[in-house]
Amino acid sequence: MPHSENTKSFFAKVGNEVENEIVKNIALFYGCSTLRIYDEVYGKEAEHLLDYITINRPAVIATYNKLMY
């Protein structure tokens, strides 16, 4: 499954509030808009979502692994 599809699945499982917080923090770190981040994580050549995570990484990784595996 492409990384973008995994990201969509993860965001569907965690809900909008968590999704928005994750995307907002990535955008703040990279100094760009949340729309740019959505384009990136849902794009054809998207990396694994965890590659974009910049804060609270251990908690996000644990949640991702629990929900996705």
Protein backbone atom coordinates (compact mmCIF):
# COMPACT_ATOMS: atom_id res chain seq x y z
CA MET A 1 0.00 0.00 0.00
CA PRO A 2 1.40 3.46 -0.85
CA HIS A 3 2.44 5.67 2.05
CA SER A 4 -0.29 8.17 1.20
CA GLU A 5 -2.94 5.47 1.65
CA ASN A 6 -1.45 4.44 5.00
CA THR A 7 -1.55 8.09 6.08
CA LYS A 8 -5.22 8.39 5.11
CA SER A 9 -6.01 5.23 7.02
CA PHE A 10 -4.13 6.39 10.12
CA PHE A 11 -5.80 9.81 10.10
CA ALA A 12 -9.21 8.17 9.75
CA LYS A 13 -8.48 6.06 12.82
CA VAL A 14 -7.20 8.87 15.06
CA GLY A 15 -9.83 11.45 14.09
CA ASN A 16 -9.74 15.04 12.93
CA GLU A 17 -8.40 16.61 16.11
CA VAL A 18 -5.26 14.47 16.20
CA GLU A 19 -4.83 14.70 12.43
CA ASN A 20 -5.01 18.49 12.53
CA GLU A 21 -2.51 18.68 15.39
CA ILE A 22 -0.02 16.45 13.59
CA VAL A 23 -0.32 18.35 10.30
CA LYS A 24 -0.13 21.73 12.04
CA ASN A 25 3.06 20.74 13.88
CA ILE A 26 4.71 19.45 10.71
CA ALA A 27 3.80 22.70 8.91
CA LEU A 28 5.19 24.81 11.76
CA PHE A 29 8.44 22.88 11.75
CA TYR A 30 8.92 23.23 7.99
CA GLY A 31 7.61 26.79 7.83
CA CYS A 32 4.84 26.14 5.35
CA SER A 33 1.07 25.88 5.19
CA THR A 34 -0.95 22.91 6.31
CA LEU A 35 -2.24 22.65 2.74
CA ARG A 36 1.33 22.11 1.57
CA ILE A 37 1.75 19.36 4.14
CA TYR A 38 -1.46 17.65 3.03
CA ASP A 39 -0.22 17.81 -0.56
CA GLU A 40 3.02 16.21 0.59
CA VAL A 41 1.65 13.40 2.78
CA TYR A 42 -1.12 12.52 0.33
CA GLY A 43 1.02 12.93 -2.78
CA LYS A 44 2.04 10.24 -5.20
CA GLU A 45 5.62 10.22 -3.89
CA ALA A 46 4.79 10.67 -0.19
CA GLU A 47 7.21 9.35 2.38
CA HIS A 48 6.06 7.36 5.38
CA LEU A 49 4.09 9.68 7.68
CA LEU A 50 6.48 9.01 10.56
CA ASP A 51 9.31 10.48 8.47
CA TYR A 52 7.58 13.87 8.73
CA ILE A 53 6.92 13.79 12.47
CA THR A 54 9.01 16.35 14.32
CA ILE A 55 7.58 16.62 17.85
CA ASN A 56 6.32 14.08 20.36
CA ARG A 57 7.74 11.45 18.04
CA PRO A 58 7.71 8.50 20.49
CA ALA A 59 4.01 8.97 21.26
CA VAL A 60 3.05 9.30 17.60
CA ILE A 61 5.11 6.26 16.65
CA ALA A 62 3.56 4.18 19.44
CA THR A 63 0.05 5.24 18.42
CA TYR A 64 0.77 4.59 14.74
CA ASN A 65 2.16 1.13 15.43
CA LYS A 66 -0.75 0.23 17.71
CA LEU A 67 -3.38 1.28 15.17
CA MET A 68 -1.73 0.18 11.95
CA TYR A 69 -0.10 -3.16 12.80
